[in-house]
């Protein structure tokens, strides 16, 4: 369980997303007030995106969101796109980044399902 002294938790949040709102509420139930970044208003930098992906140990494609994004229009299903190119698409279109992403001292997690946030708190 998170202690106040080490509560360095950040959530990349979309307040319109039910899962994101649930994860934020779960973090607060642990007695922590995280740094909340509405990533559509304040997108992470390319370096931050790359760092989060590396810390999660996942391919970029696992971070991509399809629904309600330009994913299909950009043809991101095409295997021709490199990891670097896919990151560039996320930088250009932050809505492509799935959410909520939670960063804590214990790791970085795409919190789907919402309850998976407990693993890094």
PDB file of N, CA and C in Angstrom:
ATOM      1  N   UNK A   1       0.835  -1.188   0.000  1.00  0.00           N
ATOM      2  CA  UNK A   1       0.000   0.000   0.000  1.00  0.00           C
ATOM      3  C   UNK A   1       0.878   1.249   0.000  1.00  0.00           C
ATOM      4  N   UNK A   2       0.445   2.265  -0.673  1.00  0.00           N
ATOM      5  CA  UNK A   2       1.208   3.496  -0.806  1.00  0.00           C
ATOM      6  C   UNK A   2       1.219   4.249   0.513  1.00  0.00           C
ATOM      7  N   UNK A   3       2.377   4.770   0.856  1.00  0.00           N
ATOM      8  CA  UNK A   3       2.513   5.642   2.016  1.00  0.00           C
ATOM      9  C   UNK A   3       2.524   7.079   1.512  1.00  0.00           C
ATOM     10  N   UNK A   4       2.027   8.007   2.335  1.00  0.00           N
ATOM     11  CA  UNK A   4       2.003   9.418   1.932  1.00  0.00           C
ATOM     12  C   UNK A   4       3.383   9.892   1.504  1.00  0.00           C
ATOM     13  N   UNK A   5       4.427   9.438   2.212  1.00  0.00           N
ATOM     14  CA  UNK A   5       5.770   9.926   1.938  1.00  0.00           C
ATOM     15  C   UNK A   5       6.294   9.523   0.553  1.00  0.00           C
ATOM     16  N   UNK A   6       5.757   8.440  -0.016  1.00  0.00           N
ATOM     17  CA  UNK A   6       6.252   8.029  -1.330  1.00  0.00           C
ATOM     18  C   UNK A   6       5.149   8.087  -2.386  1.00  0.00           C
ATOM     19  N   UNK A   7       4.222   9.002  -2.196  1.00  0.00           N
ATOM     20  CA  UNK A   7       3.065   9.103  -3.085  1.00  0.00           C
ATOM     21  C   UNK A   7       3.388   9.904  -4.339  1.00  0.00           C
ATOM     22  N   UNK A   8       4.369   9.447  -5.085  1.00  0.00           N
ATOM     23  CA  UNK A   8       4.715  10.105  -6.351  1.00  0.00           C
ATOM     24  C   UNK A   8       3.997   9.362  -7.472  1.00  0.00           C
ATOM     25  N   UNK A   9       2.731   9.598  -7.569  1.00  0.00           N
ATOM     26  CA  UNK A   9       1.916   8.880  -8.551  1.00  0.00           C
ATOM     27  C   UNK A   9       1.326   9.887  -9.522  1.00  0.00           C
ATOM     28  N   UNK A  10       1.420   9.540 -10.791  1.00  0.00           N
ATOM     29  CA  UNK A  10       0.868  10.386 -11.846  1.00  0.00           C
ATOM     30  C   UNK A  10      -0.094   9.550 -12.663  1.00  0.00           C
ATOM     31  N   UNK A  11      -1.224  10.135 -12.989  1.00  0.00           N
ATOM     32  CA  UNK A  11      -2.184   9.479 -13.876  1.00  0.00           C
ATOM     33  C   UNK A  11      -2.346  10.351 -15.117  1.00  0.00           C
ATOM     34  N   UNK A  12      -2.174   9.714 -16.269  1.00  0.00           N
ATOM     35  CA  UNK A  12      -2.483  10.356 -17.549  1.00  0.00           C
ATOM     36  C   UNK A  12      -3.949  10.053 -17.783  1.00  0.00           C
ATOM     37  N   UNK A  13      -4.766  11.073 -17.654  1.00  0.00           N
ATOM     38  CA  UNK A  13      -6.201  10.943 -17.427  1.00  0.00           C
ATOM     39  C   UNK A  13      -7.015  11.617 -18.524  1.00  0.00           C
ATOM     40  N   UNK A  14      -8.152  10.997 -18.823  1.00  0.00           N
ATOM     41  CA  UNK A  14      -9.164  11.623 -19.674  1.00  0.00           C
ATOM     42  C   UNK A  14     -10.455  11.616 -18.864  1.00  0.00           C
ATOM     43  N   UNK A  15     -10.898  12.773 -18.390  1.00  0.00           N
ATOM     44  CA  UNK A  15     -12.081  12.812 -17.528  1.00  0.00           C
ATOM     45  C   UNK A  15     -13.360  12.324 -18.216  1.00  0.00           C
ATOM     46  N   UNK A  16     -13.351  12.219 -19.536  1.00  0.00           N
ATOM     47  CA  UNK A  16     -14.528  11.711 -20.246  1.00  0.00           C
ATOM     48  C   UNK A  16     -14.574  10.187 -20.273  1.00  0.00           C
ATOM     49  N   UNK A  17     -13.493   9.543 -19.835  1.00  0.00           N
ATOM     50  CA  UNK A  17     -13.378   8.083 -19.868  1.00  0.00           C
ATOM     51  C   UNK A  17     -13.756   7.500 -18.509  1.00  0.00           C
ATOM     52  N   UNK A  18     -14.739   6.603 -18.519  1.00  0.00           N
ATOM     53  CA  UNK A  18     -15.194   5.972 -17.286  1.00  0.00           C
ATOM     54  C   UNK A  18     -14.100   5.183 -16.584  1.00  0.00           C
ATOM     55  N   UNK A  19     -13.299   4.440 -17.340  1.00  0.00           N
ATOM     56  CA  UNK A  19     -12.213   3.665 -16.735  1.00  0.00           C
ATOM     57  C   UNK A  19     -11.202   4.598 -16.086  1.00  0.00           C
ATOM     58  N   UNK A  20     -10.892   5.690 -16.748  1.00  0.00           N
ATOM     59  CA  UNK A  20      -9.938   6.654 -16.209  1.00  0.00           C
ATOM     60  C   UNK A  20     -10.471   7.264 -14.913  1.00  0.00           C
ATOM     61  N   UNK A  21     -11.740   7.613 -14.884  1.00  0.00           N
ATOM     62  CA  UNK A  21     -12.338   8.162 -13.657  1.00  0.00           C
ATOM     63  C   UNK A  21     -12.305   7.138 -12.531  1.00  0.00           C
ATOM     64  N   UNK A  22     -12.574   5.867 -12.857  1.00  0.00           N
ATOM     65  CA  UNK A  22     -12.546   4.804 -11.847  1.00  0.00           C
ATOM     66  C   UNK A  22     -11.146   4.629 -11.283  1.00  0.00           C
ATOM     67  N   UNK A  23     -10.133   4.619 -12.150  1.00  0.00           N
ATOM     68  CA  UNK A  23      -8.753   4.464 -11.685  1.00  0.00           C
ATOM     69  C   UNK A  23      -8.363   5.632 -10.779  1.00  0.00           C
ATOM     70  N   UNK A  24      -8.728   6.844 -11.142  1.00  0.00           N
ATOM     71  CA  UNK A  24      -8.433   8.005 -10.312  1.00  0.00           C
ATOM     72  C   UNK A  24      -9.083   7.841  -8.934  1.00  0.00           C
ATOM     73  N   UNK A  25     -10.320   7.394  -8.903  1.00  0.00           N
ATOM     74  CA  UNK A  25     -11.006   7.173  -7.628  1.00  0.00           C
ATOM     75  C   UNK A  25     -10.317   6.087  -6.805  1.00  0.00           C
ATOM     76  N   UNK A  26      -9.869   5.015  -7.454  1.00  0.00           N
ATOM     77  CA  UNK A  26      -9.171   3.935  -6.743  1.00  0.00           C
ATOM     78  C   UNK A  26      -7.862   4.432  -6.132  1.00  0.00           C
ATOM     79  N   UNK A  27      -7.114   5.233  -6.856  1.00  0.00           N
ATOM     80  CA  UNK A  27      -5.867   5.791  -6.321  1.00  0.00           C
ATOM     81  C   UNK A  27      -6.176   6.609  -5.079  1.00  0.00           C
ATOM     82  N   UNK A  28      -7.210   7.424  -5.161  1.00  0.00           N
ATOM     83  CA  UNK A  28      -7.585   8.265  -4.011  1.00  0.00           C
ATOM     84  C   UNK A  28      -8.060   7.424  -2.836  1.00  0.00           C
ATOM     85  N   UNK A  29      -8.674   6.266  -3.115  1.00  0.00           N
ATOM     86  CA  UNK A  29      -9.086   5.370  -2.032  1.00  0.00           C
ATOM     87  C   UNK A  29      -7.883   4.848  -1.255  1.00  0.00           C
ATOM     88  N   UNK A  30      -6.725   4.818  -1.898  1.00  0.00           N
ATOM     89  CA  UNK A  30      -5.487   4.411  -1.233  1.00  0.00           C
ATOM     90  C   UNK A  30      -4.901   5.555  -0.401  1.00  0.00           C
ATOM     91  N   UNK A  31      -5.603   6.675  -0.370  1.00  0.00           N
ATOM     92  CA  UNK A  31      -5.146   7.804   0.430  1.00  0.00           C
ATOM     93  C   UNK A  31      -4.106   8.663  -0.246  1.00  0.00           C
ATOM     94  N   UNK A  32      -4.051   8.586  -1.564  1.00  0.00           N
ATOM     95  CA  UNK A  32      -3.057   9.331  -2.326  1.00  0.00           C
ATOM     96  C   UNK A  32      -3.767  10.308  -3.253  1.00  0.00           C
ATOM     97  N   UNK A  33      -3.238  11.526  -3.303  1.00  0.00           N
ATOM     98  CA  UNK A  33      -3.714  12.490  -4.289  1.00  0.00           C
ATOM     99  C   UNK A  33      -2.660  12.548  -5.384  1.00  0.00           C
ATOM    100  N   UNK A  34      -2.925  11.887  -6.516  1.00  0.00           N
ATOM    101  CA  UNK A  34      -1.923  11.832  -7.587  1.00  0.00           C
ATOM    102  C   UNK A  34      -1.829  13.139  -8.356  1.00  0.00           C
ATOM    103  N   UNK A  35      -0.756  13.257  -9.090  1.00  0.00           N
ATOM    104  CA  UNK A  35      -0.664  14.314 -10.090  1.00  0.00           C
ATOM    105  C   UNK A  35      -1.546  13.862 -11.243  1.00  0.00           C
ATOM    106  N   UNK A  36      -2.502  14.693 -11.619  1.00  0.00           N
ATOM    107  CA  UNK A  36      -3.433  14.348 -12.691  1.00  0.00           C
ATOM    108  C   UNK A  36      -3.057  15.162 -13.929  1.00  0.00           C
ATOM    109  N   UNK A  37      -2.726  14.447 -14.994  1.00  0.00           N
ATOM    110  CA  UNK A  37      -2.399  15.103 -16.254  1.00  0.00           C
ATOM    111  C   UNK A  37      -3.471  14.737 -17.268  1.00  0.00           C
ATOM    112  N   UNK A  38      -4.242  15.732 -17.665  1.00  0.00           N
ATOM    113  CA  UNK A  38      -5.227  15.498 -18.729  1.00  0.00           C
ATOM    114  C   UNK A  38      -4.432  15.514 -20.036  1.00  0.00           C
ATOM    115  N   UNK A  39      -4.071  14.319 -20.476  1.00  0.00           N
ATOM    116  CA  UNK A  39      -3.087  14.187 -21.555  1.00  0.00           C
ATOM    117  C   UNK A  39      -3.570  14.737 -22.895  1.00  0.00           C
ATOM    118  N   UNK A  40      -4.872  14.949 -23.058  1.00  0.00           N
ATOM    119  CA  UNK A  40      -5.322  15.563 -24.315  1.00  0.00           C
ATOM    120  C   UNK A  40      -5.080  17.071 -24.291  1.00  0.00           C
ATOM    121  N   UNK A  41      -5.053  17.666 -23.087  1.00  0.00           N
ATOM    122  CA  UNK A  41      -4.754  19.099 -22.945  1.00  0.00           C
ATOM    123  C   UNK A  41      -3.260  19.342 -22.797  1.00  0.00           C
ATOM    124  N   UNK A  42      -2.578  18.436 -22.097  1.00  0.00           N
ATOM    125  CA  UNK A  42      -1.144  18.541 -21.848  1.00  0.00           C
ATOM    126  C   UNK A  42      -0.506  17.203 -22.211  1.00  0.00           C
ATOM    127  N   UNK A  43      -0.263  16.986 -23.500  1.00  0.00           N
ATOM    128  CA  UNK A  43       0.276  15.694 -23.932  1.00  0.00           C
ATOM    129  C   UNK A  43       1.682  15.449 -23.398  1.00  0.00           C
ATOM    130  N   UNK A  44       1.998  14.175 -23.148  1.00  0.00           N
ATOM    131  CA  UNK A  44       3.372  13.861 -22.762  1.00  0.00           C
ATOM    132  C   UNK A  44       4.305  14.100 -23.936  1.00  0.00           C
ATOM    133  N   UNK A  45       5.564  14.373 -23.611  1.00  0.00           N
ATOM    134  CA  UNK A  45       6.569  14.553 -24.663  1.00  0.00           C
ATOM    135  C   UNK A  45       6.912  13.200 -25.271  1.00  0.00           C
ATOM    136  N   UNK A  46       7.600  13.244 -26.371  1.00  0.00           N
ATOM    137  CA  UNK A  46       8.051  12.006 -27.010  1.00  0.00           C
ATOM    138  C   UNK A  46       8.904  11.207 -26.032  1.00  0.00           C
ATOM    139  N   UNK A  47       9.788  11.906 -25.327  1.00  0.00           N
ATOM    140  CA  UNK A  47      10.674  11.240 -24.371  1.00  0.00           C
ATOM    141  C   UNK A  47       9.870  10.585 -23.242  1.00  0.00           C
ATOM    142  N   UNK A  48       8.835  11.262 -22.761  1.00  0.00           N
ATOM    143  CA  UNK A  48       8.000  10.685 -21.704  1.00  0.00           C
ATOM    144  C   UNK A  48       7.259   9.447 -22.207  1.00  0.00           C
ATOM    145  N   UNK A  49       6.759   9.512 -23.421  1.00  0.00           N
ATOM    146  CA  UNK A  49       6.047   8.360 -23.996  1.00  0.00           C
ATOM    147  C   UNK A  49       6.999   7.171 -24.122  1.00  0.00           C
ATOM    148  N   UNK A  50       8.180   7.416 -24.679  1.00  0.00           N
ATOM    149  CA  UNK A  50       9.158   6.338 -24.852  1.00  0.00           C
ATOM    150  C   UNK A  50       9.543   5.754 -23.497  1.00  0.00           C
ATOM    151  N   UNK A  51       9.758   6.602 -22.512  1.00  0.00           N
ATOM    152  CA  UNK A  51      10.131   6.135 -21.176  1.00  0.00           C
ATOM    153  C   UNK A  51       9.034   5.259 -20.572  1.00  0.00           C
ATOM    154  N   UNK A  52       7.777   5.693 -20.699  1.00  0.00           N
ATOM    155  CA  UNK A  52       6.670   4.903 -20.143  1.00  0.00           C
ATOM    156  C   UNK A  52       6.561   3.544 -20.838  1.00  0.00           C
ATOM    157  N   UNK A  53       6.702   3.535 -22.154  1.00  0.00           N
ATOM    158  CA  UNK A  53       6.625   2.284 -22.911  1.00  0.00           C
ATOM    159  C   UNK A  53       7.750   1.344 -22.483  1.00  0.00           C
ATOM    160  N   UNK A  54       8.949   1.896 -22.353  1.00  0.00           N
ATOM    161  CA  UNK A  54      10.085   1.069 -21.917  1.00  0.00           C
ATOM    162  C   UNK A  54       9.856   0.510 -20.517  1.00  0.00           C
ATOM    163  N   UNK A  55       9.360   1.334 -19.607  1.00  0.00           N
ATOM    164  CA  UNK A  55       9.114   0.873 -18.233  1.00  0.00           C
ATOM    165  C   UNK A  55       8.008  -0.187 -18.183  1.00  0.00           C
ATOM    166  N   UNK A  56       7.041  -0.092 -19.102  1.00  0.00           N
ATOM    167  CA  UNK A  56       5.992  -1.114 -19.145  1.00  0.00           C
ATOM    168  C   UNK A  56       6.481  -2.392 -19.808  1.00  0.00           C
ATOM    169  N   UNK A  57       7.506  -2.273 -20.647  1.00  0.00           N
ATOM    170  CA  UNK A  57       8.022  -3.440 -21.349  1.00  0.00           C
ATOM    171  C   UNK A  57       7.064  -3.984 -22.391  1.00  0.00           C
ATOM    172  N   UNK A  58       6.367  -3.071 -23.070  1.00  0.00           N
ATOM    173  CA  UNK A  58       5.391  -3.483 -24.091  1.00  0.00           C
ATOM    174  C   UNK A  58       5.768  -2.881 -25.437  1.00  0.00           C
ATOM    175  N   UNK A  59       5.293  -3.499 -26.520  1.00  0.00           N
ATOM    176  CA  UNK A  59       5.453  -2.844 -27.822  1.00  0.00           C
ATOM    177  C   UNK A  59       4.501  -1.638 -27.904  1.00  0.00           C
ATOM    178  N   UNK A  60       4.879  -0.663 -28.698  1.00  0.00           N
ATOM    179  CA  UNK A  60       4.070   0.557 -28.844  1.00  0.00           C
ATOM    180  C   UNK A  60       2.631   0.217 -29.241  1.00  0.00           C
ATOM    181  N   UNK A  61       2.467  -0.778 -30.092  1.00  0.00           N
ATOM    182  CA  UNK A  61       1.119  -1.124 -30.566  1.00  0.00           C
ATOM    183  C   UNK A  61       0.154  -1.432 -29.422  1.00  0.00           C
ATOM    184  N   UNK A  62       0.667  -1.956 -28.307  1.00  0.00           N
ATOM    185  CA  UNK A  62      -0.204  -2.265 -27.168  1.00  0.00           C
ATOM    186  C   UNK A  62      -0.718  -1.015 -26.467  1.00  0.00           C
ATOM    187  N   UNK A  63      -0.093   0.117 -26.727  1.00  0.00           N
ATOM    188  CA  UNK A  63      -0.521   1.375 -26.123  1.00  0.00           C
ATOM    189  C   UNK A  63      -1.516   2.127 -27.011  1.00  0.00           C
ATOM    190  N   UNK A  64      -1.626   1.721 -28.267  1.00  0.00           N
ATOM    191  CA  UNK A  64      -2.485   2.437 -29.211  1.00  0.00           C
ATOM    192  C   UNK A  64      -3.970   2.180 -28.945  1.00  0.00           C
ATOM    193  N   UNK A  65      -4.733   3.251 -29.045  1.00  0.00           N
ATOM    194  CA  UNK A  65      -6.185   3.176 -28.920  1.00  0.00           C
ATOM    195  C   UNK A  65      -6.770   3.338 -30.314  1.00  0.00           C
ATOM    196  N   UNK A  66      -7.730   2.517 -30.626  1.00  0.00           N
ATOM    197  CA  UNK A  66      -8.337   2.543 -31.953  1.00  0.00           C
ATOM    198  C   UNK A  66      -9.654   3.331 -31.961  1.00  0.00           C
ATOM    199  N   UNK A  67     -10.528   3.024 -31.014  1.00  0.00           N
ATOM    200  CA  UNK A  67     -11.870   3.605 -30.975  1.00  0.00           C
ATOM    201  C   UNK A  67     -11.810   5.122 -30.736  1.00  0.00           C
ATOM    202  N   UNK A  68     -12.505   5.865 -31.580  1.00  0.00           N
ATOM    203  CA  UNK A  68     -12.591   7.313 -31.418  1.00  0.00           C
ATOM    204  C   UNK A  68     -11.296   8.048 -31.730  1.00  0.00           C
ATOM    205  N   UNK A  69     -10.441   7.430 -32.534  1.00  0.00           N
ATOM    206  CA  UNK A  69      -9.149   8.033 -32.882  1.00  0.00           C
ATOM    207  C   UNK A  69      -8.941   7.953 -34.402  1.00  0.00           C
ATOM    208  N   UNK A  70      -7.882   8.597 -34.893  1.00  0.00           N
ATOM    209  CA  UNK A  70      -7.572   8.484 -36.330  1.00  0.00           C
ATOM    210  C   UNK A  70      -6.794   7.209 -36.691  1.00  0.00           C
ATOM    211  N   UNK A  71      -6.822   6.197 -35.827  1.00  0.00           N
ATOM    212  CA  UNK A  71      -6.074   4.954 -36.027  1.00  0.00           C
ATOM    213  C   UNK A  71      -6.321   4.362 -37.417  1.00  0.00           C
ATOM    214  N   UNK A  72      -7.589   4.118 -37.766  1.00  0.00           N
ATOM    215  CA  UNK A  72      -7.903   3.498 -39.059  1.00  0.00           C
ATOM    216  C   UNK A  72      -7.573   4.431 -40.217  1.00  0.00           C
ATOM    217  N   UNK A  73      -7.900   5.689 -40.061  1.00  0.00           N
ATOM    218  CA  UNK A  73      -7.640   6.680 -41.104  1.00  0.00           C
ATOM    219  C   UNK A  73      -6.141   6.770 -41.415  1.00  0.00           C
ATOM    220  N   UNK A  74      -5.300   6.597 -40.392  1.00  0.00           N
ATOM    221  CA  UNK A  74      -3.848   6.653 -40.579  1.00  0.00           C
ATOM    222  C   UNK A  74      -3.253   5.316 -41.021  1.00  0.00           C
ATOM    223  N   UNK A  75      -4.081   4.276 -41.036  1.00  0.00           N
ATOM    224  CA  UNK A  75      -3.611   2.960 -41.459  1.00  0.00           C
ATOM    225  C   UNK A  75      -2.613   2.344 -40.491  1.00  0.00           C
ATOM    226  N   UNK A  76      -2.837   2.520 -39.201  1.00  0.00           N
ATOM    227  CA  UNK A  76      -1.859   2.061 -38.216  1.00  0.00           C
ATOM    228  C   UNK A  76      -1.840   0.546 -38.024  1.00  0.00           C
ATOM    229  N   UNK A  77      -2.772  -0.163 -38.646  1.00  0.00           N
ATOM    230  CA  UNK A  77      -2.731  -1.625 -38.646  1.00  0.00           C
ATOM    231  C   UNK A  77      -1.582  -2.152 -39.498  1.00  0.00           C
ATOM    232  N   UNK A  78      -1.130  -1.331 -40.431  1.00  0.00           N
ATOM    233  CA  UNK A  78      -0.092  -1.745 -41.378  1.00  0.00           C
ATOM    234  C   UNK A  78       1.216  -2.034 -40.635  1.00  0.00           C
ATOM    235  N   UNK A  79       1.765  -3.245 -40.795  1.00  0.00           N
ATOM    236  CA  UNK A  79       3.007  -3.594 -40.098  1.00  0.00           C
ATOM    237  C   UNK A  79       4.231  -2.808 -40.579  1.00  0.00           C
ATOM    238  N   UNK A  80       4.075  -1.991 -41.612  1.00  0.00           N
ATOM    239  CA  UNK A  80       5.214  -1.218 -42.119  1.00  0.00           C
ATOM    240  C   UNK A  80       5.690  -0.167 -41.115  1.00  0.00           C
ATOM    241  N   UNK A  81       4.798   0.240 -40.180  1.00  0.00           N
ATOM    242  CA  UNK A  81       5.156   1.297 -39.236  1.00  0.00           C
ATOM    243  C   UNK A  81       6.112   0.760 -38.177  1.00  0.00           C
ATOM    244  N   UNK A  82       7.223   1.455 -37.989  1.00  0.00           N
ATOM    245  CA  UNK A  82       8.190   1.078 -36.960  1.00  0.00           C
ATOM    246  C   UNK A  82       7.703   1.580 -35.600  1.00  0.00           C
ATOM    247  N   UNK A  83       8.343   1.086 -34.550  1.00  0.00           N
ATOM    248  CA  UNK A  83       8.015   1.553 -33.195  1.00  0.00           C
ATOM    249  C   UNK A  83       8.193   3.075 -33.116  1.00  0.00           C
ATOM    250  N   UNK A  84       9.300   3.580 -33.657  1.00  0.00           N
ATOM    251  CA  UNK A  84       9.550   5.024 -33.623  1.00  0.00           C
ATOM    252  C   UNK A  84       8.473   5.806 -34.364  1.00  0.00           C
ATOM    253  N   UNK A  85       8.052   5.283 -35.508  1.00  0.00           N
ATOM    254  CA  UNK A  85       7.003   5.968 -36.267  1.00  0.00           C
ATOM    255  C   UNK A  85       5.683   5.960 -35.499  1.00  0.00           C
ATOM    256  N   UNK A  86       5.379   4.845 -34.839  1.00  0.00           N
ATOM    257  CA  UNK A  86       4.145   4.783 -34.057  1.00  0.00           C
ATOM    258  C   UNK A  86       4.174   5.770 -32.895  1.00  0.00           C
ATOM    259  N   UNK A  87       5.341   5.916 -32.255  1.00  0.00           N
ATOM    260  CA  UNK A  87       5.469   6.919 -31.190  1.00  0.00           C
ATOM    261  C   UNK A  87       5.241   8.315 -31.778  1.00  0.00           C
ATOM    262  N   UNK A  88       5.789   8.570 -32.955  1.00  0.00           N
ATOM    263  CA  UNK A  88       5.575   9.869 -33.603  1.00  0.00           C
ATOM    264  C   UNK A  88       4.089  10.137 -33.836  1.00  0.00           C
ATOM    265  N   UNK A  89       3.339   9.108 -34.214  1.00  0.00           N
ATOM    266  CA  UNK A  89       1.890   9.276 -34.396  1.00  0.00           C
ATOM    267  C   UNK A  89       1.219   9.651 -33.069  1.00  0.00           C
ATOM    268  N   UNK A  90       1.653   9.029 -31.974  1.00  0.00           N
ATOM    269  CA  UNK A  90       1.066   9.357 -30.668  1.00  0.00           C
ATOM    270  C   UNK A  90       1.391  10.802 -30.300  1.00  0.00           C
ATOM    271  N   UNK A  91       2.606  11.234 -30.589  1.00  0.00           N
ATOM    272  CA  UNK A  91       2.988  12.618 -30.303  1.00  0.00           C
ATOM    273  C   UNK A  91       2.109  13.581 -31.097  1.00  0.00           C
ATOM    274  N   UNK A  92       1.865  13.251 -32.367  1.00  0.00           N
ATOM    275  CA  UNK A  92       1.052  14.116 -33.232  1.00  0.00           C
ATOM    276  C   UNK A  92      -0.430  14.055 -32.879  1.00  0.00           C
ATOM    277  N   UNK A  93      -0.886  12.890 -32.405  1.00  0.00           N
ATOM    278  CA  UNK A  93      -2.300  12.661 -32.110  1.00  0.00           C
ATOM    279  C   UNK A  93      -2.401  11.992 -30.728  1.00  0.00           C
ATOM    280  N   UNK A  94      -2.306  12.766 -29.649  1.00  0.00           N
ATOM    281  CA  UNK A  94      -2.305  12.168 -28.305  1.00  0.00           C
ATOM    282  C   UNK A  94      -3.513  11.263 -28.020  1.00  0.00           C
ATOM    283  N   UNK A  95      -4.603  11.469 -28.734  1.00  0.00           N
ATOM    284  CA  UNK A  95      -5.795  10.631 -28.525  1.00  0.00           C
ATOM    285  C   UNK A  95      -5.505   9.168 -28.863  1.00  0.00           C
ATOM    286  N   UNK A  96      -4.424   8.915 -29.610  1.00  0.00           N
ATOM    287  CA  UNK A  96      -4.052   7.539 -29.946  1.00  0.00           C
ATOM    288  C   UNK A  96      -3.519   6.769 -28.741  1.00  0.00           C
ATOM    289  N   UNK A  97      -3.126   7.496 -27.687  1.00  0.00           N
ATOM    290  CA  UNK A  97      -2.584   6.840 -26.504  1.00  0.00           C
ATOM    291  C   UNK A  97      -3.733   6.321 -25.643  1.00  0.00           C
ATOM    292  N   UNK A  98      -3.729   5.029 -25.402  1.00  0.00           N
ATOM    293  CA  UNK A  98      -4.773   4.452 -24.565  1.00  0.00           C
ATOM    294  C   UNK A  98      -4.599   4.955 -23.140  1.00  0.00           C
ATOM    295  N   UNK A  99      -5.677   4.928 -22.396  1.00  0.00           N
ATOM    296  CA  UNK A  99      -5.660   5.446 -21.039  1.00  0.00           C
ATOM    297  C   UNK A  99      -6.522   4.574 -20.153  1.00  0.00           C
ATOM    298  N   UNK A 100      -6.343   4.754 -18.865  1.00  0.00           N
ATOM    299  CA  UNK A 100      -5.428   5.642 -18.163  1.00  0.00           C
ATOM    300  C   UNK A 100      -4.072   4.986 -17.952  1.00  0.00           C
ATOM    301  N   UNK A 101      -3.049   5.790 -18.074  1.00  0.00           N
ATOM    302  CA  UNK A 101      -1.692   5.349 -17.762  1.00  0.00           C
ATOM    303  C   UNK A 101      -1.356   5.881 -16.380  1.00  0.00           C
ATOM    304  N   UNK A 102      -0.838   5.014 -15.529  1.00  0.00           N
ATOM    305  CA  UNK A 102      -0.452   5.426 -14.188  1.00  0.00           C
ATOM    306  C   UNK A 102       1.038   5.151 -14.014  1.00  0.00           C
ATOM    307  N   UNK A 103       1.742   6.168 -13.531  1.00  0.00           N
ATOM    308  CA  UNK A 103       3.171   6.082 -13.278  1.00  0.00           C
ATOM    309  C   UNK A 103       3.375   6.173 -11.774  1.00  0.00           C
ATOM    310  N   UNK A 104       4.099   5.203 -11.220  1.00  0.00           N
ATOM    311  CA  UNK A 104       4.392   5.207  -9.792  1.00  0.00           C
ATOM    312  C   UNK A 104       5.813   4.702  -9.589  1.00  0.00           C
ATOM    313  N   UNK A 105       6.341   4.824  -8.375  1.00  0.00           N
ATOM    314  CA  UNK A 105       7.672   4.268  -8.123  1.00  0.00           C
ATOM    315  C   UNK A 105       7.733   2.759  -8.382  1.00  0.00           C
ATOM    316  N   UNK A 106       6.592   2.085  -8.305  1.00  0.00           N
ATOM    317  CA  UNK A 106       6.553   0.636  -8.516  1.00  0.00           C
ATOM    318  C   UNK A 106       6.408   0.244  -9.981  1.00  0.00           C
ATOM    319  N   UNK A 107       6.228   1.210 -10.874  1.00  0.00           N
ATOM    320  CA  UNK A 107       6.122   0.885 -12.285  1.00  0.00           C
ATOM    321  C   UNK A 107       5.145   1.774 -13.028  1.00  0.00           C
ATOM    322  N   UNK A 108       4.927   1.409 -14.276  1.00  0.00           N
ATOM    323  CA  UNK A 108       3.988   2.115 -15.154  1.00  0.00           C
ATOM    324  C   UNK A 108       3.004   1.076 -15.650  1.00  0.00           C
ATOM    325  N   UNK A 109       1.745   1.441 -15.690  1.00  0.00           N
ATOM    326  CA  UNK A 109       0.730   0.466 -16.085  1.00  0.00           C
ATOM    327  C   UNK A 109      -0.378   1.168 -16.863  1.00  0.00           C
ATOM    328  N   UNK A 110      -0.792   0.523 -17.956  1.00  0.00           N
ATOM    329  CA  UNK A 110      -2.028   0.885 -18.635  1.00  0.00           C
ATOM    330  C   UNK A 110      -3.115   0.185 -17.829  1.00  0.00           C
ATOM    331  N   UNK A 111      -3.911   0.929 -17.115  1.00  0.00           N
ATOM    332  CA  UNK A 111      -4.825   0.364 -16.126  1.00  0.00           C
ATOM    333  C   UNK A 111      -6.172  -0.009 -16.739  1.00  0.00           C
ATOM    334  N   UNK A 112      -6.133  -1.063 -17.510  1.00  0.00           N
ATOM    335  CA  UNK A 112      -7.315  -1.689 -18.082  1.00  0.00           C
ATOM    336  C   UNK A 112      -7.192  -3.172 -17.823  1.00  0.00           C
ATOM    337  N   UNK A 113      -7.965  -3.746 -16.949  1.00  0.00           N
ATOM    338  CA  UNK A 113      -9.074  -3.144 -16.213  1.00  0.00           C
ATOM    339  C   UNK A 113      -8.590  -2.215 -15.099  1.00  0.00           C
ATOM    340  N   UNK A 114      -9.508  -1.391 -14.624  1.00  0.00           N
ATOM    341  CA  UNK A 114      -9.181  -0.368 -13.637  1.00  0.00           C
ATOM    342  C   UNK A 114      -8.515  -0.947 -12.388  1.00  0.00           C
ATOM    343  N   UNK A 115      -8.935  -2.114 -11.968  1.00  0.00           N
ATOM    344  CA  UNK A 115      -8.425  -2.698 -10.727  1.00  0.00           C
ATOM    345  C   UNK A 115      -6.933  -3.015 -10.805  1.00  0.00           C
ATOM    346  N   UNK A 116      -6.380  -3.085 -12.007  1.00  0.00           N
ATOM    347  CA  UNK A 116      -4.964  -3.408 -12.159  1.00  0.00           C
ATOM    348  C   UNK A 116      -4.067  -2.311 -11.594  1.00  0.00           C
ATOM    349  N   UNK A 117      -4.615  -1.139 -11.291  1.00  0.00           N
ATOM    350  CA  UNK A 117      -3.819  -0.068 -10.699  1.00  0.00           C
ATOM    351  C   UNK A 117      -3.266  -0.495  -9.348  1.00  0.00           C
ATOM    352  N   UNK A 118      -3.951  -1.378  -8.642  1.00  0.00           N
ATOM    353  CA  UNK A 118      -3.495  -1.811  -7.319  1.00  0.00           C
ATOM    354  C   UNK A 118      -2.121  -2.458  -7.384  1.00  0.00           C
ATOM    355  N   UNK A 119      -1.773  -3.045  -8.514  1.00  0.00           N
ATOM    356  CA  UNK A 119      -0.479  -3.725  -8.661  1.00  0.00           C
ATOM    357  C   UNK A 119       0.719  -2.779  -8.556  1.00  0.00           C
ATOM    358  N   UNK A 120       0.507  -1.481  -8.794  1.00  0.00           N
ATOM    359  CA  UNK A 120       1.636  -0.546  -8.749  1.00  0.00           C
ATOM    360  C   UNK A 120       1.477   0.508  -7.662  1.00  0.00           C
ATOM    361  N   UNK A 121       0.503   0.337  -6.792  1.00  0.00           N
ATOM    362  CA  UNK A 121       0.331   1.276  -5.684  1.00  0.00           C
ATOM    363  C   UNK A 121       0.989   0.750  -4.431  1.00  0.00           C
TER     364      UNK A 121
END
